[in-house]
C-alpha atoms as a PDB file:
ATOM      1  CA  MET A   1     163.106 142.076 146.744  1.00  0.00           C
ATOM      2  CA  ILE A   2     165.863 140.411 144.769  1.00  0.00           C
ATOM      3  CA  VAL A   3     165.905 137.167 142.799  1.00  0.00           C
ATOM      4  CA  GLU A   4     167.573 135.227 145.630  1.00  0.00           C
ATOM      5  CA  ASP A   5     164.704 136.239 147.940  1.00  0.00           C
ATOM      6  CA  ILE A   6     162.207 134.930 145.401  1.00  0.00           C
ATOM      7  CA  PHE A   7     163.968 131.572 145.249  1.00  0.00           C
ATOM      8  CA  ASP A   8     164.043 131.466 149.061  1.00  0.00           C
ATOM      9  CA  ARG A   9     160.303 132.084 149.226  1.00  0.00           C
ATOM     10  CA  THR A  10     159.288 129.712 146.437  1.00  0.00           C
ATOM     11  CA  GLY A  11     161.743 126.919 147.201  1.00  0.00           C
ATOM     12  CA  GLN A  12     162.102 124.459 144.372  1.00  0.00           C
ATOM     13  CA  ALA A  13     158.625 125.059 142.983  1.00  0.00           C
ATOM     14  CA  TYR A  14     160.204 125.821 139.598  1.00  0.00           C
ATOM     15  CA  LEU A  15     161.096 122.109 139.328  1.00  0.00           C
ATOM     16  CA  CYS A  16     157.431 121.092 139.251  1.00  0.00           C
ATOM     17  CA  MET A  17     157.111 123.138 136.056  1.00  0.00           C
ATOM     18  CA  ILE A  18     159.594 120.743 134.457  1.00  0.00           C
ATOM     19  CA  HIS A  19     158.291 117.539 136.082  1.00  0.00           C
ATOM     20  CA  PRO A  20     154.686 118.161 137.151  1.00  0.00           C
ATOM     21  CA  ALA A  21     153.151 115.786 139.681  1.00  0.00           C
ATOM     22  CA  ARG A  22     150.024 114.208 138.304  1.00  0.00           C
ATOM     23  CA  LYS A  23     148.611 112.863 141.551  1.00  0.00           C
ATOM     24  CA  GLY A  24     145.565 114.577 143.001  1.00  0.00           C
ATOM     25  CA  ASN A  25     146.138 118.143 144.123  1.00  0.00           C
ATOM     26  CA  VAL A  26     149.940 117.835 144.491  1.00  0.00           C
ATOM     27  CA  TYR A  27     150.749 120.085 141.519  1.00  0.00           C
ATOM     28  CA  ARG A  28     148.615 122.961 142.845  1.00  0.00           C
ATOM     29  CA  GLN A  29     150.262 122.639 146.250  1.00  0.00           C
ATOM     30  CA  GLU A  30     153.733 122.712 144.702  1.00  0.00           C
ATOM     31  CA  ILE A  31     153.099 125.876 142.669  1.00  0.00           C
ATOM     32  CA  ALA A  32     151.102 127.684 145.383  1.00  0.00           C
ATOM     33  CA  PRO A  33     154.136 129.717 146.605  1.00  0.00           C
ATOM     34  CA  VAL A  34     154.760 130.946 143.049  1.00  0.00           C
ATOM     35  CA  LEU A  35     151.143 132.000 142.580  1.00  0.00           C
ATOM     36  CA  ARG A  36     150.991 133.761 145.954  1.00  0.00           C
ATOM     37  CA  LEU A  37     154.215 135.694 145.451  1.00  0.00           C
ATOM     38  CA  SER A  38     153.692 136.641 141.807  1.00  0.00           C
ATOM     39  CA  ALA A  39     150.945 139.161 142.569  1.00  0.00           C
ATOM     40  CA  SER A  40     153.230 141.200 144.811  1.00  0.00           C
ATOM     41  CA  LEU A  41     156.235 141.363 142.473  1.00  0.00           C
ATOM     42  CA  PRO A  42     156.805 144.406 140.287  1.00  0.00           C
ATOM     43  CA  ASP A  43     156.520 143.744 136.555  1.00  0.00           C
ATOM     44  CA  GLU A  44     160.038 145.105 136.037  1.00  0.00           C
ATOM     45  CA  LEU A  45     161.511 142.432 138.307  1.00  0.00           C
ATOM     46  CA  VAL A  46     159.570 139.656 136.577  1.00  0.00           C
ATOM     47  CA  SER A  47     160.665 141.000 133.182  1.00  0.00           C
ATOM     48  CA  SER A  48     164.299 141.051 134.248  1.00  0.00           C
ATOM     49  CA  MET A  49     164.024 137.451 135.463  1.00  0.00           C
ATOM     50  CA  ILE A  50     162.539 136.330 132.137  1.00  0.00           C
ATOM     51  CA  ALA A  51     165.162 138.066 130.016  1.00  0.00           C
ATOM     52  CA  GLY A  52     168.257 137.545 132.152  1.00  0.00           C
ATOM     53  CA  GLY A  53     170.086 135.149 134.377  1.00  0.00           C
ATOM     54  CA  GLY A  54     170.273 131.414 134.095  1.00  0.00           C
ATOM     55  CA  TRP A  55     167.664 128.865 133.202  1.00  0.00           C
ATOM     56  CA  ARG A  56     166.216 128.637 136.746  1.00  0.00           C
ATOM     57  CA  GLU A  57     165.716 132.387 136.938  1.00  0.00           C
ATOM     58  CA  ARG A  58     164.140 132.495 133.488  1.00  0.00           C
ATOM     59  CA  LEU A  59     161.818 129.571 134.187  1.00  0.00           C
ATOM     60  CA  LEU A  60     160.657 131.061 137.478  1.00  0.00           C
ATOM     61  CA  GLY A  61     160.225 134.454 135.774  1.00  0.00           C
ATOM     62  CA  VAL A  62     158.063 132.907 133.064  1.00  0.00           C
ATOM     63  CA  CYS A  63     155.931 131.172 135.709  1.00  0.00           C
ATOM     64  CA  MET A  64     155.537 134.437 137.619  1.00  0.00           C
ATOM     65  CA  GLY A  65     154.636 136.283 134.414  1.00  0.00           C
ATOM     66  CA  MET A  66     152.035 133.700 133.453  1.00  0.00           C
ATOM     67  CA  ALA A  67     150.448 134.020 136.890  1.00  0.00           C
ATOM     68  CA  LYS A  68     150.264 137.814 136.505  1.00  0.00           C
ATOM     69  CA  ARG A  69     149.370 139.133 133.046  1.00  0.00           C
ATOM     70  CA  PRO A  70     150.997 137.013 130.320  1.00  0.00           C
ATOM     71  CA  VAL A  71     150.548 139.572 127.553  1.00  0.00           C
ATOM     72  CA  SER A  72     152.596 142.103 129.545  1.00  0.00           C
ATOM     73  CA  PHE A  73     155.685 139.921 129.263  1.00  0.00           C
ATOM     74  CA  LEU A  74     155.832 139.299 125.516  1.00  0.00           C
ATOM     75  CA  GLU A  75     158.816 141.610 124.984  1.00  0.00           C
ATOM     76  CA  PRO A  76     160.972 139.994 127.725  1.00  0.00           C
ATOM     77  CA  MET A  77     160.019 136.568 126.355  1.00  0.00           C
ATOM     78  CA  LEU A  78     161.218 137.558 122.894  1.00  0.00           C
ATOM     79  CA  ARG A  79     164.452 138.945 124.343  1.00  0.00           C
ATOM     80  CA  SER A  80     165.039 135.704 126.231  1.00  0.00           C
ATOM     81  CA  LEU A  81     164.886 133.701 123.031  1.00  0.00           C
END
């Protein structure tokens, strides 16, 4: 899987990380594709998203990493800074 495939499968869910909906269960519904897909992605791909690309790729990578094992992605987070 490549980054473009991830964006295709998660849609614009990354936007709700910037502007979360505060009504009822809307936020959970918006991030559900990210949570579902994150478990199946290799850590190397998530790390490369966090440390590379543009802001959308980094934001989605951080969200994927947080849904997996946050401590595993400390090094890519430091590189992204």
